[in-house]
């Protein structure tokens, strides 16, 4: 390997491409997750710090899927990456729990509570489901 090729590869290893949507930016590769995080926040200021996250699909363990990169593994894998996807962490909302009290769900006349439904009568289940979402 020639000296110029080796110096080109060394300089490439010092850099990393941060990608957010169609935008790609070449930045200094940081071994520290926090320094890389700060760099990404400066590079993509439209993404709030509380929801910015890194993802990759370049490692064999990812099996081709994008996976979130945690601070815990950053220093172990950063040298294996060429491009890091900067994304917004999806905030998962929990489903609203249904009331456990039988009296909390108003039942049609002559209908039994959900725990007392005849298992062979499947026509009642859609009525309960519909009642729960009639707000």
N, C-alpha and C. Protein backbone atom coordinates (compact mmCIF):
# COMPACT_ATOMS: atom_id res chain seq x y z
N UNK A 1 0.84 -1.16 0.00
CA UNK A 1 0.00 0.00 0.00
C UNK A 1 0.89 1.24 0.00
N UNK A 2 0.62 2.18 -0.89
CA UNK A 2 1.46 3.37 -0.98
C UNK A 2 1.18 4.31 0.18
N UNK A 3 2.11 5.22 0.43
CA UNK A 3 1.97 6.17 1.52
C UNK A 3 0.76 7.07 1.35
N UNK A 4 0.47 7.48 0.10
CA UNK A 4 -0.67 8.37 -0.11
C UNK A 4 -1.99 7.63 0.10
N UNK A 5 -2.06 6.36 -0.31
CA UNK A 5 -3.27 5.56 -0.09
C UNK A 5 -3.50 5.36 1.40
N UNK A 6 -2.42 5.06 2.13
CA UNK A 6 -2.53 4.83 3.56
C UNK A 6 -2.98 6.11 4.26
N UNK A 7 -2.45 7.26 3.88
CA UNK A 7 -2.86 8.51 4.53
C UNK A 7 -4.30 8.85 4.20
N UNK A 8 -4.76 8.52 2.98
CA UNK A 8 -6.17 8.75 2.61
C UNK A 8 -7.08 7.90 3.48
N UNK A 9 -6.73 6.61 3.66
CA UNK A 9 -7.55 5.72 4.48
C UNK A 9 -7.54 6.17 5.93
N UNK A 10 -6.40 6.62 6.43
CA UNK A 10 -6.33 7.09 7.80
C UNK A 10 -7.21 8.31 7.98
N UNK A 11 -7.21 9.23 7.02
CA UNK A 11 -8.05 10.42 7.15
C UNK A 11 -9.53 10.05 7.04
N UNK A 12 -9.86 9.03 6.22
CA UNK A 12 -11.24 8.58 6.13
C UNK A 12 -11.69 7.99 7.46
N UNK A 13 -10.81 7.23 8.11
CA UNK A 13 -11.17 6.65 9.40
C UNK A 13 -11.39 7.71 10.47
N UNK A 14 -10.80 8.89 10.28
CA UNK A 14 -11.00 9.97 11.24
C UNK A 14 -12.33 10.66 11.04
N UNK A 15 -12.99 10.35 9.94
CA UNK A 15 -14.27 10.98 9.61
C UNK A 15 -15.39 9.94 9.60
N UNK A 16 -16.58 10.45 9.68
CA UNK A 16 -17.77 9.61 9.69
C UNK A 16 -18.88 10.40 9.01
N UNK A 17 -19.72 9.73 8.27
CA UNK A 17 -20.86 10.40 7.64
C UNK A 17 -22.06 10.28 8.56
N UNK A 18 -22.61 11.45 8.91
CA UNK A 18 -23.89 11.47 9.63
C UNK A 18 -24.96 11.72 8.59
N UNK A 19 -26.00 10.91 8.62
CA UNK A 19 -27.07 11.00 7.62
C UNK A 19 -28.39 11.22 8.34
N UNK A 20 -29.12 12.22 7.88
CA UNK A 20 -30.46 12.47 8.41
C UNK A 20 -31.37 12.75 7.22
N UNK A 21 -32.24 11.80 6.90
CA UNK A 21 -33.04 11.93 5.70
C UNK A 21 -32.11 11.95 4.50
N UNK A 22 -32.31 12.90 3.59
CA UNK A 22 -31.45 12.95 2.40
C UNK A 22 -30.11 13.65 2.65
N UNK A 23 -29.99 14.34 3.79
CA UNK A 23 -28.77 15.12 4.05
C UNK A 23 -27.66 14.24 4.63
N UNK A 24 -26.46 14.36 4.06
CA UNK A 24 -25.28 13.63 4.55
C UNK A 24 -24.19 14.65 4.84
N UNK A 25 -23.56 14.50 6.03
CA UNK A 25 -22.53 15.45 6.43
C UNK A 25 -21.33 14.66 6.95
N UNK A 26 -20.15 14.99 6.43
CA UNK A 26 -18.91 14.36 6.89
C UNK A 26 -18.43 15.11 8.13
N UNK A 27 -18.28 14.37 9.24
CA UNK A 27 -17.88 14.97 10.51
C UNK A 27 -16.71 14.20 11.08
N UNK A 28 -16.09 14.78 12.09
CA UNK A 28 -14.99 14.09 12.77
C UNK A 28 -15.55 12.91 13.56
N UNK A 29 -14.91 11.76 13.39
CA UNK A 29 -15.30 10.55 14.11
C UNK A 29 -14.91 10.72 15.59
N UNK A 30 -15.87 10.58 16.46
CA UNK A 30 -15.63 10.73 17.89
C UNK A 30 -15.75 9.38 18.59
N UNK A 31 -14.74 9.02 19.36
CA UNK A 31 -14.80 7.77 20.15
C UNK A 31 -15.80 7.90 21.29
N UNK A 32 -16.01 9.13 21.76
CA UNK A 32 -16.94 9.38 22.86
C UNK A 32 -18.35 9.57 22.32
N UNK A 33 -19.29 8.82 22.85
CA UNK A 33 -20.68 8.94 22.44
C UNK A 33 -21.19 10.36 22.66
N UNK A 34 -20.86 10.94 23.81
CA UNK A 34 -21.34 12.29 24.13
C UNK A 34 -20.80 13.33 23.15
N UNK A 35 -19.53 13.22 22.78
CA UNK A 35 -18.98 14.15 21.80
C UNK A 35 -19.64 13.98 20.43
N UNK A 36 -19.88 12.71 20.04
CA UNK A 36 -20.54 12.45 18.76
C UNK A 36 -21.98 12.97 18.80
N UNK A 37 -22.63 12.79 19.93
CA UNK A 37 -24.01 13.26 20.12
C UNK A 37 -24.05 14.79 19.97
N UNK A 38 -23.11 15.49 20.63
CA UNK A 38 -23.05 16.94 20.52
C UNK A 38 -22.81 17.38 19.08
N UNK A 39 -21.95 16.66 18.37
CA UNK A 39 -21.68 16.97 16.98
C UNK A 39 -22.95 16.80 16.13
N UNK A 40 -23.69 15.75 16.38
CA UNK A 40 -24.94 15.50 15.63
C UNK A 40 -25.97 16.58 15.94
N UNK A 41 -26.03 17.02 17.19
CA UNK A 41 -26.98 18.08 17.57
C UNK A 41 -26.65 19.38 16.85
N UNK A 42 -25.36 19.68 16.71
CA UNK A 42 -24.94 20.90 15.99
C UNK A 42 -25.19 20.76 14.49
N UNK A 43 -24.97 19.57 13.98
CA UNK A 43 -25.13 19.33 12.54
C UNK A 43 -26.59 19.33 12.12
N UNK A 44 -27.45 18.78 12.98
CA UNK A 44 -28.89 18.68 12.68
C UNK A 44 -29.69 19.35 13.81
N UNK A 45 -29.66 20.69 13.88
CA UNK A 45 -30.32 21.39 14.99
C UNK A 45 -31.84 21.26 15.00
N UNK A 46 -32.42 20.80 13.91
CA UNK A 46 -33.89 20.66 13.88
C UNK A 46 -34.38 19.47 14.71
N UNK A 47 -33.46 18.57 15.09
CA UNK A 47 -33.85 17.43 15.93
C UNK A 47 -33.54 17.78 17.38
N UNK A 48 -34.53 17.70 18.21
CA UNK A 48 -34.38 18.02 19.63
C UNK A 48 -33.43 17.03 20.30
N UNK A 49 -32.61 17.53 21.24
CA UNK A 49 -31.65 16.68 21.95
C UNK A 49 -32.33 15.50 22.67
N UNK A 50 -33.56 15.72 23.16
CA UNK A 50 -34.21 14.63 23.93
C UNK A 50 -34.66 13.47 23.06
N UNK A 51 -34.76 13.69 21.75
CA UNK A 51 -35.24 12.58 20.91
C UNK A 51 -34.24 12.15 19.84
N UNK A 52 -33.06 12.79 19.79
CA UNK A 52 -32.05 12.41 18.81
C UNK A 52 -31.44 11.06 19.20
N UNK A 53 -31.26 10.23 18.21
CA UNK A 53 -30.66 8.91 18.44
C UNK A 53 -29.87 8.50 17.20
N UNK A 54 -28.94 7.57 17.39
CA UNK A 54 -28.14 7.04 16.29
C UNK A 54 -28.62 5.64 15.94
N UNK A 55 -28.57 5.32 14.64
CA UNK A 55 -28.94 3.99 14.18
C UNK A 55 -27.96 3.53 13.11
N UNK A 56 -27.85 2.21 12.97
CA UNK A 56 -27.06 1.63 11.88
C UNK A 56 -27.69 0.31 11.44
N UNK A 57 -27.37 -0.06 10.21
CA UNK A 57 -27.73 -1.39 9.70
C UNK A 57 -26.49 -2.04 9.10
N UNK A 58 -25.31 -1.47 9.36
CA UNK A 58 -24.07 -1.90 8.72
C UNK A 58 -23.39 -3.08 9.39
N UNK A 59 -23.78 -3.43 10.59
CA UNK A 59 -23.12 -4.53 11.29
C UNK A 59 -23.84 -5.84 11.02
N UNK A 60 -23.10 -6.94 11.00
CA UNK A 60 -23.71 -8.25 10.76
C UNK A 60 -24.82 -8.56 11.77
N UNK A 61 -24.60 -8.15 13.01
CA UNK A 61 -25.58 -8.44 14.06
C UNK A 61 -26.92 -7.74 13.80
N UNK A 62 -26.91 -6.70 12.97
CA UNK A 62 -28.16 -5.97 12.65
C UNK A 62 -29.04 -6.74 11.68
N UNK A 63 -28.46 -7.70 10.97
CA UNK A 63 -29.21 -8.52 10.01
C UNK A 63 -29.93 -7.65 8.97
N UNK A 64 -29.31 -6.52 8.60
CA UNK A 64 -29.88 -5.66 7.58
C UNK A 64 -30.92 -4.67 8.08
N UNK A 65 -31.31 -4.76 9.35
CA UNK A 65 -32.31 -3.86 9.92
C UNK A 65 -31.62 -2.70 10.62
N UNK A 66 -32.27 -1.55 10.64
CA UNK A 66 -31.73 -0.43 11.41
C UNK A 66 -31.97 -0.69 12.89
N UNK A 67 -30.92 -0.53 13.67
CA UNK A 67 -31.02 -0.69 15.13
C UNK A 67 -30.41 0.53 15.80
N UNK A 68 -30.95 0.86 16.95
CA UNK A 68 -30.45 2.01 17.70
C UNK A 68 -29.09 1.68 18.31
N UNK A 69 -28.19 2.64 18.28
CA UNK A 69 -26.87 2.48 18.87
C UNK A 69 -26.89 3.18 20.23
N UNK A 70 -26.60 2.44 21.27
CA UNK A 70 -26.60 3.02 22.61
C UNK A 70 -25.20 3.53 22.97
N UNK A 71 -25.16 4.39 23.97
CA UNK A 71 -23.88 4.92 24.46
C UNK A 71 -22.98 3.79 24.96
N UNK A 72 -23.60 2.76 25.48
CA UNK A 72 -22.88 1.62 26.05
C UNK A 72 -21.98 0.92 25.03
N UNK A 73 -22.44 0.83 23.78
CA UNK A 73 -21.66 0.10 22.77
C UNK A 73 -20.95 1.00 21.77
N UNK A 74 -21.19 2.29 21.86
CA UNK A 74 -20.65 3.22 20.87
C UNK A 74 -19.14 3.05 20.64
N UNK A 75 -18.36 3.11 21.71
CA UNK A 75 -16.90 3.06 21.55
C UNK A 75 -16.42 1.72 20.97
N UNK A 76 -17.20 0.67 21.14
CA UNK A 76 -16.84 -0.65 20.61
C UNK A 76 -17.08 -0.76 19.10
N UNK A 77 -18.05 -0.01 18.59
CA UNK A 77 -18.44 -0.21 17.19
C UNK A 77 -18.15 0.98 16.28
N UNK A 78 -17.85 2.15 16.84
CA UNK A 78 -17.73 3.35 16.00
C UNK A 78 -16.69 3.19 14.89
N UNK A 79 -15.61 2.46 15.14
CA UNK A 79 -14.60 2.29 14.10
C UNK A 79 -15.03 1.33 12.99
N UNK A 80 -16.12 0.61 13.19
CA UNK A 80 -16.62 -0.31 12.19
C UNK A 80 -17.63 0.35 11.25
N UNK A 81 -18.03 1.58 11.58
CA UNK A 81 -19.09 2.25 10.84
C UNK A 81 -18.54 3.29 9.88
N UNK A 82 -19.22 3.46 8.76
CA UNK A 82 -18.89 4.50 7.80
C UNK A 82 -19.98 5.57 7.78
N UNK A 83 -21.22 5.13 7.98
CA UNK A 83 -22.37 6.03 7.98
C UNK A 83 -23.20 5.73 9.22
N UNK A 84 -23.64 6.78 9.89
CA UNK A 84 -24.54 6.63 11.04
C UNK A 84 -25.80 7.44 10.75
N UNK A 85 -26.92 6.78 10.87
CA UNK A 85 -28.20 7.42 10.64
C UNK A 85 -28.60 8.19 11.92
N UNK A 86 -28.89 9.46 11.77
CA UNK A 86 -29.36 10.28 12.89
C UNK A 86 -30.87 10.37 12.76
N UNK A 87 -31.56 9.90 13.77
CA UNK A 87 -33.02 9.84 13.70
C UNK A 87 -33.63 10.41 14.97
N UNK A 88 -34.95 10.47 14.94
CA UNK A 88 -35.70 10.90 16.12
C UNK A 88 -36.25 9.66 16.81
N UNK A 89 -35.97 9.55 18.09
CA UNK A 89 -36.48 8.42 18.87
C UNK A 89 -38.00 8.48 18.86
N UNK A 90 -38.61 7.36 18.58
CA UNK A 90 -40.06 7.28 18.55
C UNK A 90 -40.55 7.15 19.98
N UNK A 91 -41.44 8.05 20.35
CA UNK A 91 -42.02 7.96 21.70
C UNK A 91 -43.22 7.02 21.62
N UNK A 92 -43.09 5.92 22.32
CA UNK A 92 -44.15 4.92 22.31
C UNK A 92 -45.18 5.30 23.38
N UNK A 93 -46.41 5.45 22.97
CA UNK A 93 -47.44 5.74 23.95
C UNK A 93 -48.10 4.43 24.36
N UNK A 94 -48.35 4.32 25.63
CA UNK A 94 -48.97 3.11 26.15
C UNK A 94 -50.46 3.15 25.87
N UNK A 95 -51.07 2.01 25.59
CA UNK A 95 -52.51 2.01 25.37
C UNK A 95 -53.23 2.35 26.68
N UNK A 96 -54.37 2.96 26.53
CA UNK A 96 -55.17 3.31 27.71
C UNK A 96 -55.76 2.02 28.26
N UNK A 97 -55.50 1.71 29.54
CA UNK A 97 -56.03 0.46 30.10
C UNK A 97 -57.54 0.54 30.27
N UNK A 98 -58.18 -0.56 30.03
CA UNK A 98 -59.63 -0.63 30.23
C UNK A 98 -59.91 -0.79 31.72
N UNK A 99 -61.04 -0.28 32.17
CA UNK A 99 -61.37 -0.41 33.59
C UNK A 99 -61.55 -1.88 33.96
N UNK A 100 -61.11 -2.23 35.16
CA UNK A 100 -61.24 -3.60 35.63
C UNK A 100 -62.56 -3.83 36.35
N UNK A 101 -63.21 -2.78 36.74
CA UNK A 101 -64.46 -2.88 37.48
C UNK A 101 -65.59 -3.15 36.50
N UNK A 102 -66.35 -4.23 36.73
CA UNK A 102 -67.46 -4.60 35.84
C UNK A 102 -68.50 -3.49 35.76
N UNK A 103 -68.64 -2.73 36.85
CA UNK A 103 -69.65 -1.67 36.87
C UNK A 103 -69.21 -0.47 36.04
N UNK A 104 -67.94 -0.37 35.70
CA UNK A 104 -67.44 0.77 34.94
C UNK A 104 -67.89 0.71 33.49
N UNK A 105 -68.23 -0.46 32.99
CA UNK A 105 -68.72 -0.62 31.62
C UNK A 105 -70.22 -0.83 31.70
N UNK A 106 -70.97 0.08 31.07
CA UNK A 106 -72.42 -0.10 31.11
C UNK A 106 -72.80 -1.16 30.09
N UNK A 107 -73.54 -2.13 30.54
CA UNK A 107 -73.92 -3.26 29.69
C UNK A 107 -75.37 -3.11 29.24
N UNK A 108 -75.69 -3.58 28.05
CA UNK A 108 -77.08 -3.57 27.61
C UNK A 108 -77.93 -4.42 28.56
N UNK A 109 -79.22 -4.14 28.59
CA UNK A 109 -80.14 -4.90 29.47
C UNK A 109 -80.02 -6.39 29.22
N UNK A 110 -80.10 -7.15 30.29
CA UNK A 110 -80.06 -8.61 30.27
C UNK A 110 -78.75 -9.17 29.73
N UNK A 111 -77.68 -8.42 29.79
CA UNK A 111 -76.39 -8.93 29.34
C UNK A 111 -75.53 -9.19 30.57
N UNK A 112 -74.74 -10.24 30.50
CA UNK A 112 -73.88 -10.56 31.63
C UNK A 112 -72.56 -9.79 31.51
N UNK A 113 -71.84 -9.68 32.61
CA UNK A 113 -70.55 -9.01 32.63
C UNK A 113 -69.56 -9.81 31.79
N UNK A 114 -68.49 -9.20 31.32
CA UNK A 114 -67.55 -9.90 30.43
C UNK A 114 -67.04 -11.22 30.99
N UNK A 115 -66.81 -11.31 32.26
CA UNK A 115 -66.33 -12.55 32.85
C UNK A 115 -67.39 -13.64 32.86
N UNK A 116 -68.64 -13.27 32.63
CA UNK A 116 -69.74 -14.22 32.69
C UNK A 116 -70.33 -14.53 31.32
N UNK A 117 -69.67 -14.11 30.27
CA UNK A 117 -70.17 -14.33 28.92
C UNK A 117 -70.08 -15.81 28.58
N UNK A 118 -71.13 -16.31 27.96
CA UNK A 118 -71.16 -17.68 27.48
C UNK A 118 -70.12 -17.79 26.36
N UNK A 119 -69.15 -18.69 26.52
CA UNK A 119 -68.06 -18.81 25.54
C UNK A 119 -68.56 -19.15 24.14
N UNK A 120 -69.72 -19.78 24.03
CA UNK A 120 -70.24 -20.12 22.71
C UNK A 120 -70.91 -18.93 22.05
N UNK A 121 -71.23 -17.88 22.82
CA UNK A 121 -71.89 -16.71 22.27
C UNK A 121 -70.85 -15.66 21.89
N UNK A 122 -70.34 -15.72 20.69
CA UNK A 122 -69.30 -14.79 20.26
C UNK A 122 -69.89 -13.46 19.81
N UNK A 123 -71.23 -13.38 19.71
CA UNK A 123 -71.84 -12.13 19.26
C UNK A 123 -71.70 -11.03 20.30
N UNK A 124 -71.44 -11.39 21.54
CA UNK A 124 -71.36 -10.38 22.60
C UNK A 124 -70.02 -9.65 22.59
N UNK A 125 -68.95 -10.31 22.19
CA UNK A 125 -67.62 -9.71 22.22
C UNK A 125 -67.53 -8.40 21.42
N UNK A 126 -68.04 -8.35 20.18
CA UNK A 126 -67.96 -7.07 19.45
C UNK A 126 -68.73 -5.96 20.15
N UNK A 127 -69.84 -6.29 20.83
CA UNK A 127 -70.61 -5.26 21.53
C UNK A 127 -69.78 -4.66 22.66
N UNK A 128 -69.07 -5.51 23.42
CA UNK A 128 -68.23 -5.01 24.52
C UNK A 128 -67.11 -4.16 23.93
N UNK A 129 -66.48 -4.65 22.89
CA UNK A 129 -65.39 -3.91 22.26
C UNK A 129 -65.89 -2.54 21.80
N UNK A 130 -67.05 -2.50 21.15
CA UNK A 130 -67.61 -1.25 20.66
C UNK A 130 -67.95 -0.33 21.82
N UNK A 131 -68.53 -0.85 22.89
CA UNK A 131 -68.90 -0.05 24.06
C UNK A 131 -67.69 0.62 24.69
N UNK A 132 -66.56 -0.09 24.72
CA UNK A 132 -65.36 0.44 25.35
C UNK A 132 -64.82 1.67 24.63
N UNK A 133 -65.10 1.79 23.34
CA UNK A 133 -64.56 2.89 22.56
C UNK A 133 -65.59 3.92 22.14
N UNK A 134 -66.74 3.96 22.81
CA UNK A 134 -67.80 4.88 22.48
C UNK A 134 -67.70 6.14 23.32
N UNK A 135 -66.63 6.83 23.33
CA UNK A 135 -66.52 8.03 24.17
C UNK A 135 -66.64 9.27 23.36
